Protein backbone atom coordinates (compact mmCIF):
# COMPACT_ATOMS: atom_id res chain seq x y z
CA MET A 1 0.00 0.00 0.00
CA ASP A 2 1.12 3.58 -0.57
CA GLN A 3 0.86 6.15 2.20
CA VAL A 4 -2.67 7.33 1.40
CA GLU A 5 -3.92 3.75 1.09
CA LEU A 6 -2.43 2.96 4.50
CA LEU A 7 -4.04 6.07 5.95
CA ILE A 8 -7.46 5.12 4.56
CA ALA A 9 -7.09 1.55 5.83
CA CYS A 10 -6.18 2.83 9.30
CA VAL A 11 -9.07 5.27 9.70
CA THR A 12 -11.44 2.64 8.29
CA LYS A 13 -10.24 0.26 11.01
CA LEU A 14 -11.07 3.03 13.51
CA GLY A 15 -14.64 3.07 12.15
CA ALA A 16 -14.42 5.93 9.64
CA GLU A 17 -17.14 6.54 7.06
CA ASP A 18 -17.35 8.91 4.08
CA VAL A 19 -13.56 9.01 3.73
CA GLU A 20 -12.35 11.74 1.37
CA VAL A 21 -8.73 12.23 0.30
CA THR A 22 -7.94 15.94 0.71
CA GLY A 23 -4.18 15.97 0.17
CA PRO A 24 -1.12 13.80 -0.45
CA SER A 25 -1.25 12.42 3.09
CA HIS A 26 -4.54 13.83 4.41
CA VAL A 27 -8.11 12.52 4.66
CA ASN A 28 -11.40 13.83 6.00
CA PHE A 29 -14.04 11.43 7.31
CA THR A 30 -16.83 10.99 9.82
CA LEU A 31 -16.47 8.89 12.95
CA TRP A 32 -19.72 8.05 14.69
CA SER A 33 -21.18 10.81 12.44
CA ILE A 34 -18.67 13.34 13.84
CA GLU A 35 -16.45 15.38 11.49
CA SER A 36 -12.86 14.19 11.66
CA LEU A 37 -9.54 14.37 9.85
CA ALA A 38 -6.26 12.48 9.84
CA TYR A 39 -2.86 12.81 8.21
CA VAL A 40 0.59 11.28 8.20
CA GLN A 41 2.70 13.51 10.40
CA ASP A 42 6.44 14.11 10.13
CA GLY A 43 8.17 10.90 11.17
CA GLY A 44 5.51 8.59 9.74
CA ARG A 45 2.82 8.19 12.42
CA LEU A 46 -0.90 8.81 11.93
CA ARG A 47 -2.25 11.90 13.69
CA GLY A 48 -5.74 13.32 13.60
CA SER A 49 -8.63 15.12 15.27
CA VAL A 50 -12.28 14.31 15.95
CA PHE A 51 -14.20 17.59 16.26
CA ILE A 52 -16.74 17.72 19.08
CA ASP A 53 -17.62 21.33 18.20
CA LEU A 54 -16.30 23.37 15.28
CA ASP A 55 -18.20 26.61 15.83
CA ILE A 56 -17.34 28.09 19.22
CA PRO A 57 -17.50 31.92 19.38
CA LYS A 58 -14.47 33.65 20.79
CA GLU A 59 -16.36 34.85 23.85
CA ASP A 60 -17.26 31.23 24.71
CA MET A 61 -13.71 29.91 24.49
CA PRO A 62 -12.91 30.26 28.23
CA GLU A 63 -15.85 27.98 29.03
CA ALA A 64 -14.74 25.50 26.35
CA VAL A 65 -11.17 25.47 27.65
CA GLU A 66 -12.38 24.89 31.21
CA TRP A 67 -14.72 22.08 30.12
CA ALA A 68 -12.09 20.34 27.97
CA ALA A 69 -9.55 20.44 30.80
CA HIS A 70 -11.85 18.27 32.93
CA GLN A 71 -12.56 15.60 30.29
CA GLU A 72 -10.62 12.35 30.36
CA VAL A 73 -10.79 9.76 27.58
CA GLY A 74 -8.53 6.86 26.71
CA GLY A 75 -8.45 7.22 22.93
CA GLY A 76 -6.73 10.61 22.78
CA LYS A 77 -6.50 13.98 24.50
CA VAL A 78 -9.33 16.51 24.68
CA GLU A 79 -8.48 20.12 23.99
CA ALA A 80 -10.17 23.40 23.14
CA ALA A 81 -8.28 25.45 20.57
CA TRP A 82 -8.62 28.56 18.46
CA VAL A 83 -7.89 27.53 14.88
CA ALA A 84 -6.76 30.04 12.27
CA ASN A 85 -6.96 29.18 8.58
CA ASP A 86 -7.10 30.90 5.21
CA GLU A 87 -10.88 31.20 5.17
CA ASP A 88 -11.92 31.88 8.75
CA ASP A 89 -10.89 31.72 12.39
CA GLY A 90 -12.87 29.75 14.91
CA GLY A 91 -12.90 27.89 18.18
CA CYS A 92 -13.19 24.13 18.46
CA ILE A 93 -13.21 21.26 20.90
CA ARG A 94 -11.46 18.20 19.53
CA VAL A 95 -10.04 14.85 20.47
CA VAL A 96 -6.45 14.70 19.21
CA PHE A 97 -5.16 11.19 18.57
CA GLU A 98 -2.18 9.30 17.16
CA ARG A 99 -1.88 5.74 15.95
CA ASP A 100 0.69 3.62 14.14
CA LEU A 101 0.35 3.89 10.36
CA ASP A 102 -0.47 0.20 10.13
CA PRO A 103 -4.05 -1.11 10.17
CA GLU A 104 -2.83 -4.41 11.62
CA LEU A 105 -1.70 -2.54 14.76
CA ILE A 106 -5.01 -0.73 15.32
CA GLN A 107 -7.23 -2.66 17.70
CA ALA A 108 -10.65 -3.72 16.44
CA ASP A 109 -12.32 -2.22 19.54
CA ASP A 110 -10.38 1.06 19.49
CA PRO A 111 -12.24 3.43 21.86
CA LEU A 112 -11.75 6.65 19.85
CA GLY A 113 -15.18 6.79 18.19
CA GLN A 114 -17.19 5.98 21.30
CA ASP A 115 -15.07 8.35 23.41
CA ALA A 116 -15.82 11.16 20.97
CA TYR A 117 -19.54 10.33 20.86
CA ASN A 118 -19.78 10.39 24.66
CA LEU A 119 -18.01 13.75 24.71
CA LEU A 120 -20.41 15.09 22.09
CA LEU A 121 -23.37 14.16 24.29
CA SER A 122 -21.75 15.66 27.38
CA TRP A 123 -20.83 18.95 25.68
CA GLY A 124 -24.39 19.21 24.40
CA GLY A 125 -25.78 18.72 27.90
CA GLU A 126 -27.30 15.33 27.11
CA PRO A 127 -27.13 12.27 29.36
CA PRO A 128 -24.88 9.35 28.36
CA ASP A 129 -26.29 6.65 26.10
CA LEU A 130 -27.01 3.81 28.53
CA ASP A 131 -27.41 1.31 25.69
CA LEU A 132 -23.69 1.49 24.96
CA VAL A 133 -21.22 -0.70 26.78
CA PRO A 134 -18.21 1.20 28.21
CA PRO A 135 -15.48 1.73 25.59
CA ALA A 136 -12.52 -0.62 25.58
CA ALA A 137 -9.21 0.52 26.99
CA LEU A 138 -6.71 1.75 24.41
CA ARG A 139 -3.72 -0.52 23.96
CA ALA A 140 -1.42 2.36 23.13
CA SER A 141 1.56 2.04 20.83
CA ASP A 142 4.73 1.66 22.90
CA PRO A 143 8.14 2.03 21.19
CA THR A 144 9.83 0.47 24.23
CA ARG A 145 8.46 -2.87 23.02
CA ILE A 146 10.73 -2.62 19.97
CA ALA A 147 14.26 -3.98 20.27
CA PRO A 148 16.44 -0.94 19.43
CA THR A 149 18.39 -1.11 16.18
CA ASN A 150 20.66 1.81 17.11
CA ALA A 151 21.69 3.79 20.16
CA TRP A 152 22.31 7.54 19.92
CA LEU A 153 23.82 10.26 22.05
CA LEU A 154 21.59 13.32 21.71
CA ILE A 155 22.94 16.69 22.78
CA GLY A 156 21.15 19.61 24.40
CA SER A 157 21.93 22.93 26.03
CA ASP A 158 20.85 24.31 29.40
CA SER A 159 17.92 26.06 27.74
CA SER A 160 16.59 22.74 26.39
CA TYR A 161 16.72 20.93 29.75
CA PRO A 162 13.25 19.41 30.28
CA ASP A 163 10.75 20.99 32.64
CA PRO A 164 9.24 18.53 35.19
CA HIS A 165 5.70 19.63 34.31
CA ASP A 166 6.34 18.99 30.60
CA LEU A 167 7.71 15.54 31.44
CA MET A 168 4.54 14.75 33.37
CA ILE A 169 2.35 15.88 30.44
CA ASP A 170 4.43 13.74 28.05
CA ARG A 171 3.74 10.67 30.19
CA GLU A 172 0.02 11.37 30.31
CA ASN A 173 -0.07 11.77 26.53
CA ALA A 174 1.99 8.62 25.92
CA ALA A 175 -0.58 6.58 27.85
CA LYS A 176 -3.06 7.72 25.16
CA GLY A 177 -0.70 6.91 22.29
CA LEU A 178 0.50 10.50 21.72
CA TYR A 179 4.21 11.29 21.37
CA GLU A 180 4.63 15.04 21.05
CA GLY A 181 8.11 15.54 22.50
CA PHE A 182 10.84 15.89 19.87
CA TRP A 183 14.61 16.40 19.69
CA THR A 184 17.30 16.99 17.10
CA ALA A 185 18.49 13.59 15.91
CA ALA A 186 20.56 11.70 13.37
CA LYS A 187 18.90 11.22 10.00
CA GLN A 188 19.15 7.41 10.32
CA THR A 189 17.07 7.34 13.54
CA GLU A 190 14.42 4.59 13.53
CA PRO A 191 11.40 3.84 15.75
CA GLY A 192 12.53 2.17 18.96
CA ASP A 193 16.12 3.45 18.84
CA LEU A 194 17.69 3.96 22.27
CA LEU A 195 18.44 7.60 23.16
CA PHE A 196 20.81 9.04 25.77
CA PHE A 197 20.43 12.80 26.39
CA TYR A 198 23.64 14.68 27.16
CA PHE A 199 23.53 18.34 28.27
CA LYS A 200 26.34 20.82 27.74
CA GLY A 201 27.05 23.92 29.81
CA ASP A 202 27.48 23.48 33.55
CA ARG A 203 25.83 20.04 33.60
CA LYS A 204 28.20 18.18 31.24
CA ALA A 205 26.46 14.83 31.77
CA ILE A 206 23.82 12.43 30.50
CA HIS A 207 20.63 13.13 32.46
CA PHE A 208 17.82 11.34 30.60
CA VAL A 209 17.06 8.30 28.47
CA ALA A 210 14.16 7.57 26.10
CA ARG A 211 13.29 5.84 22.84
CA ALA A 212 12.63 7.22 19.37
CA ALA A 213 8.90 7.13 18.64
CA ASP A 214 9.23 7.41 14.86
CA ASN A 215 11.64 7.87 11.97
CA ALA A 216 13.76 11.00 11.82
CA TYR A 217 12.27 13.77 9.68
CA PHE A 218 13.80 16.91 8.21
CA ASP A 219 12.53 20.36 9.15
CA ASP A 220 13.65 23.97 9.13
CA LEU A 221 12.40 25.92 12.14
CA GLY A 222 13.24 29.23 10.47
CA SER A 223 15.45 32.10 11.50
CA GLY A 224 13.12 33.24 14.28
CA ALA A 225 13.35 29.99 16.23
CA GLU A 226 15.85 29.19 18.95
CA TRP A 227 17.25 26.36 16.81
CA SER A 228 17.30 28.09 13.45
CA ARG A 229 19.36 25.61 11.47
CA ARG A 230 17.93 23.09 9.05
CA GLN A 231 18.02 19.83 10.95
CA TRP A 232 16.69 16.31 11.36
CA TRP A 233 14.30 15.66 14.24
CA ALA A 234 12.59 12.69 15.87
CA HIS A 235 9.62 12.40 18.21
CA VAL A 236 10.61 10.70 21.45
CA THR A 237 8.94 8.72 24.21
CA PRO A 238 8.66 10.36 27.65
CA MET A 239 12.16 10.99 28.94
CA VAL A 240 13.20 9.23 32.16
CA GLU A 241 15.59 11.09 34.42
CA ILE A 242 18.63 9.17 35.65
CA GLU A 243 21.50 9.90 37.98
CA PRO A 244 23.97 11.96 35.93
CA ILE A 245 26.60 10.09 33.92
CA ALA A 246 29.38 12.66 33.80
CA LEU A 247 31.42 13.51 30.73
CA GLY A 248 34.47 11.83 32.24
CA GLU A 249 32.60 8.53 32.64
CA LEU A 250 31.22 8.86 29.12
CA ARG A 251 34.72 9.35 27.68
CA GLN A 252 36.01 6.32 29.56
CA ILE A 253 33.42 4.27 27.67
CA THR A 254 33.41 5.85 24.20
CA GLY A 255 36.92 7.28 24.10
CA PRO A 256 37.93 10.93 23.63
CA THR A 257 35.14 13.02 22.17
CA VAL A 258 34.33 16.71 21.79
CA MET A 259 30.73 17.47 22.75
CA GLN A 260 30.12 20.07 20.08
CA GLY A 261 28.22 19.99 16.82
CA ARG A 262 24.87 18.54 15.96
CA SER A 263 22.89 16.11 18.06
CA GLY A 264 22.71 12.43 17.16
CA ARG A 265 25.98 10.54 17.61
CA TYR A 266 25.99 6.82 17.05
CA LEU A 267 26.84 4.67 20.09
CA ARG A 268 28.15 1.17 19.50
CA PRO A 269 26.08 -1.57 21.18
CA GLU A 270 28.80 -2.32 23.74
CA HIS A 271 29.00 1.38 24.66
CA ALA A 272 25.21 1.59 25.00
CA ALA A 273 25.27 -1.53 27.19
CA ARG A 274 27.87 0.00 29.52
CA LEU A 275 25.93 3.27 29.78
CA SER A 276 22.78 1.27 30.51
CA GLU A 277 24.57 -0.46 33.38
CA LEU A 278 25.42 2.94 34.87
CA ALA A 279 21.90 4.34 34.49
CA ARG A 280 20.02 4.65 37.79
CA PRO A 281 16.52 6.16 37.95
CA ILE A 282 15.95 9.36 39.90
CA GLY A 283 12.23 8.69 40.34
CA PRO A 284 11.45 5.94 42.88
CA ASP A 285 8.78 4.45 40.59
CA ASP A 286 10.76 4.57 37.34
CA ALA A 287 12.80 1.37 37.67
CA ALA A 288 10.45 -0.79 35.57
CA LEU A 289 10.06 1.85 32.86
CA LEU A 290 13.82 2.40 32.75
CA ALA A 291 14.38 -1.34 32.33
CA ARG A 292 12.01 -1.39 29.34
CA ILE A 293 13.81 1.55 27.74
CA LEU A 294 17.30 0.12 28.26
CA ARG A 295 16.88 -3.04 26.20
CA PRO A 296 20.01 -4.32 24.44
CA VAL A 297 20.74 -2.82 21.03
CA VAL A 298 20.32 -5.45 18.30
CA GLY A 299 21.61 -3.63 15.20
CA ARG A 300 24.88 -5.06 13.91
CA ALA A 301 27.66 -2.48 14.26
CA ASP A 302 30.48 -4.31 12.47
CA HIS A 303 30.69 -4.25 8.68
CA PRO A 304 31.19 -7.78 7.32
CA ASN A 305 32.26 -8.59 3.78
CA PRO A 306 29.34 -7.39 1.60
CA ALA A 307 29.95 -10.27 -0.82
CA THR A 308 29.03 -12.82 1.86
CA LEU A 309 26.06 -11.06 3.49
CA ASP A 310 22.88 -13.12 3.53
CA LEU A 311 19.42 -11.57 3.88
CA ALA A 312 19.22 -11.93 7.67
CA ALA A 313 22.64 -10.34 8.24
CA TRP A 314 21.84 -7.59 5.72
CA ARG A 315 18.60 -6.73 7.53
CA ALA A 316 20.43 -6.59 10.88
CA LEU A 317 23.01 -3.97 9.83
CA ALA A 318 22.73 -0.90 12.07
CA SER A 319 21.84 2.15 9.98
CA GLY A 320 23.70 4.33 12.46
CA THR A 321 27.02 2.90 11.29
CA PHE A 322 26.52 4.29 7.77
CA GLU A 323 28.30 7.64 7.66
CA ARG A 324 28.23 8.32 3.91
CA GLU A 325 26.31 7.35 0.79
CA ALA A 326 29.27 5.15 -0.11
CA ASP A 327 28.48 3.00 2.95
CA VAL A 328 24.91 2.55 1.74
CA GLU A 329 26.19 1.62 -1.72
CA ARG A 330 28.64 -0.97 -0.42
CA LEU A 331 26.59 -2.48 2.40
CA VAL A 332 22.97 -2.02 1.31
CA VAL A 333 22.70 -1.62 -2.46
CA GLU A 334 25.31 -4.04 -3.75
CA PRO A 335 24.32 -6.97 -1.48
CA LEU A 336 20.64 -6.31 -2.26
CA LEU A 337 21.27 -6.46 -6.00
CA ARG A 338 23.34 -9.61 -5.59
CA LEU A 339 20.59 -11.31 -3.58
CA SER A 340 17.68 -10.18 -5.75
CA LEU A 341 19.31 -10.77 -9.16
CA HIS A 342 20.97 -14.09 -8.31
CA GLY A 343 20.79 -16.49 -11.24
CA ALA A 344 19.43 -13.94 -13.73
CA GLU A 345 20.91 -14.53 -17.19
CA ASP A 346 22.52 -11.83 -19.34
CA VAL A 347 22.25 -9.34 -16.47
CA SER A 348 24.98 -7.03 -15.18
CA VAL A 349 25.16 -4.04 -12.85
CA VAL A 350 27.19 -0.98 -13.82
CA LYS A 351 28.20 1.66 -11.31
CA ALA A 352 28.40 5.36 -12.32
CA TYR A 353 26.49 4.86 -15.57
CA PRO A 354 26.30 7.93 -17.88
CA ALA A 355 22.84 9.22 -18.81
CA GLY A 356 23.40 12.26 -20.98
CA ARG A 357 25.25 14.75 -18.81
CA ARG A 358 24.17 12.99 -15.64
CA ILE A 359 25.75 10.03 -13.86
CA VAL A 360 23.45 7.37 -12.41
CA ASP A 361 24.70 5.64 -9.25
CA TYR A 362 23.88 2.17 -10.63
CA VAL A 363 22.16 0.82 -13.72
CA VAL A 364 20.98 -2.76 -14.19
CA LEU A 365 21.67 -3.93 -17.75
CA ARG A 366 19.75 -6.75 -19.37
CA ARG A 367 21.40 -8.09 -22.53
CA GLY A 368 23.48 -4.91 -22.51
CA VAL A 369 20.44 -2.60 -22.46
CA PRO A 370 19.47 -0.46 -19.43
CA ALA A 371 16.63 -2.07 -17.47
CA CYS A 372 16.58 -0.04 -14.23
CA ALA A 373 18.22 3.11 -12.79
CA ILE A 374 19.20 3.17 -9.11
CA GLU A 375 19.75 6.32 -7.05
CA VAL A 376 21.38 6.03 -3.61
CA LYS A 377 21.08 8.38 -0.62
CA LEU A 378 22.16 8.11 2.99
CA ARG A 379 18.59 9.16 3.86
CA VAL A 380 15.86 10.31 1.49
CA ARG A 381 14.62 13.76 2.46
CA ARG A 382 10.84 13.95 2.05
CA SER A 383 9.06 17.27 1.60
CA ARG A 384 7.23 18.72 4.60
CA ARG A 385 3.86 18.20 2.88
CA GLY A 386 4.66 14.59 2.08
CA VAL A 387 4.37 15.18 -1.68
CA TRP A 388 6.80 12.95 -3.55
CA ALA A 389 6.89 15.34 -6.50
CA GLU A 390 8.44 17.91 -4.13
CA CYS A 391 11.17 15.49 -3.00
CA ARG A 392 14.42 16.30 -4.82
CA ASP A 393 15.80 12.81 -4.29
CA PHE A 394 12.67 11.30 -5.86
CA GLU A 395 12.81 13.74 -8.78
CA GLN A 396 16.47 12.85 -9.36
CA ALA A 397 15.63 9.15 -9.58
CA CYS A 398 12.69 9.91 -11.90
CA ASP A 399 14.93 12.05 -14.12
CA TYR A 400 17.30 9.12 -14.60
CA ALA A 401 14.33 6.87 -15.37
CA ARG A 402 13.10 9.30 -18.05
CA ARG A 403 16.54 9.65 -19.62
CA LEU A 404 16.96 5.89 -19.90
CA SER A 405 13.26 4.98 -20.42
CA VAL A 406 13.38 2.50 -17.52
CA PRO A 407 11.92 2.14 -14.01
CA ALA A 408 13.95 3.41 -11.05
CA ILE A 409 14.82 2.42 -7.50
CA LEU A 410 15.56 4.98 -4.78
CA ILE A 411 17.45 3.42 -1.86
CA ASP A 412 18.68 4.79 1.46
CA ALA A 413 19.90 3.32 4.75
CA LEU A 414 16.39 2.28 5.79
CA GLN A 415 14.12 1.88 2.78
CA VAL A 416 13.85 0.71 -0.83
CA HIS A 417 11.43 2.71 -3.03
CA LEU A 418 10.37 1.08 -6.32
CA ILE A 419 9.36 3.66 -8.97
CA HIS A 420 7.72 2.95 -12.31
CA GLU A 421 8.68 5.13 -15.25
CA GLY A 422 6.50 8.26 -15.27
CA ALA A 423 5.09 7.61 -11.78
CA SER A 424 4.32 10.49 -9.41
CA GLU A 425 5.15 8.42 -6.32
CA PRO A 426 6.80 5.09 -5.50
CA THR A 427 4.82 2.03 -6.51
CA LYS A 428 6.05 0.21 -3.43
CA THR A 429 8.21 1.04 -0.41
CA LEU A 430 10.03 -1.74 1.43
CA ASN A 431 11.66 -1.40 4.84
CA ARG A 432 15.09 -3.00 5.00
CA ALA A 433 14.72 -4.22 8.59
CA VAL A 434 11.76 -6.48 7.69
CA LEU A 435 12.42 -7.23 4.02
CA LEU A 436 11.44 -10.81 3.09
CA GLU A 437 12.49 -13.35 0.47
CA ALA A 438 9.25 -12.59 -1.39
CA ASP A 439 10.26 -8.92 -1.49
CA LEU A 440 13.53 -9.90 -3.18
CA GLN A 441 11.46 -11.35 -6.00
CA THR A 442 9.47 -8.11 -6.25
CA ILE A 443 12.72 -6.14 -6.48
CA ARG A 444 14.08 -8.61 -9.05
CA ARG A 445 11.09 -8.16 -11.37
CA HIS A 446 11.26 -4.38 -11.01
CA ALA A 447 15.03 -4.20 -11.59
CA LEU A 448 14.71 -6.34 -14.72
CA GLY A 449 11.91 -4.16 -16.08
CA LEU A 450 9.42 -7.03 -16.02
């Protein structure tokens, strides 16, 4: 499924009706006859709103804010907000929710619709519907259940040190499946990755740990923001405070390092394991949560001979160890082509293939004729709106496909995007960490132009 198809499948699993696609990664729908919307947010999770009231006058907003603050539902968080748009401004009460972008992970008895319906009755002054059974409890998505592929050292300043109240709110939201905290991160960050938060200035120590809640995404906060540089970010699970691990202890484990530059430094599994041994919770009730966060890192940090990599070992390679596109070429692309094209007759792969004035990273030749163009990136940078036509990396791959009149493949450290000639988006996206033997056959047919 492409992204919109996944989005439609997910909201349908939630009980959506009258689904209408309103953008590249946006849909409107009704849920229990209530106006709703959903979209794929930066990082790849589903986020949306169910609108209890969309027409609150400005003078009534204090009452709405007070009412919303006292509502508690399991399927999301209730908030009153003043929404500005191109056509009109207005007040609303809504249930904000997040879910995994995978219909298989959305529970059949998800409480979102019934929660919203009960709120609608309450806001309208009506009694609850006694014919309805109480809604089921939400089994919220929890990235700590994922074995971490990578471990990262994230860096912050004194001004970014978390506020205790914000940490409490993050925990309340996480219990409802919402992960709204975010941090500057490495572009290869994956859901479930283990995060250690180091703070510069007077602190000079690791003070918190957490997990990545989604894939890293690229954003530019603009010149007016405190962090004005163009950077990669990731949403994170609620941070757990630990007894400080001082810079001196950190250097004894990782070796000499200068704590300057951008956040998101790869930690080898053995270094992450040693830091985990030193981590002690500050909060008396955080021991169990800390233990779930500090699971062993499973991504393979060493780089074996690419010519001998099998599919299982290839999937297990830690993306954090890839520093340049050349690493992706050698350890991801070339083994993948070897595995997927094994046994194909009259087939060869040429690196740095000329296409007019451009040079294609790889071209698959069949009987000496181009069959597929392959573009390689360390990490594909999607546009903020999620439109593939606005993604320069995608356009580059499509340009090669047009020049050679062949399909294309766009590959980075985490994903393989199959692109038909003339397509406006990938036909199929495959995640390296879970790629199957059957997927190799799909790649084979695509690479051979079949």
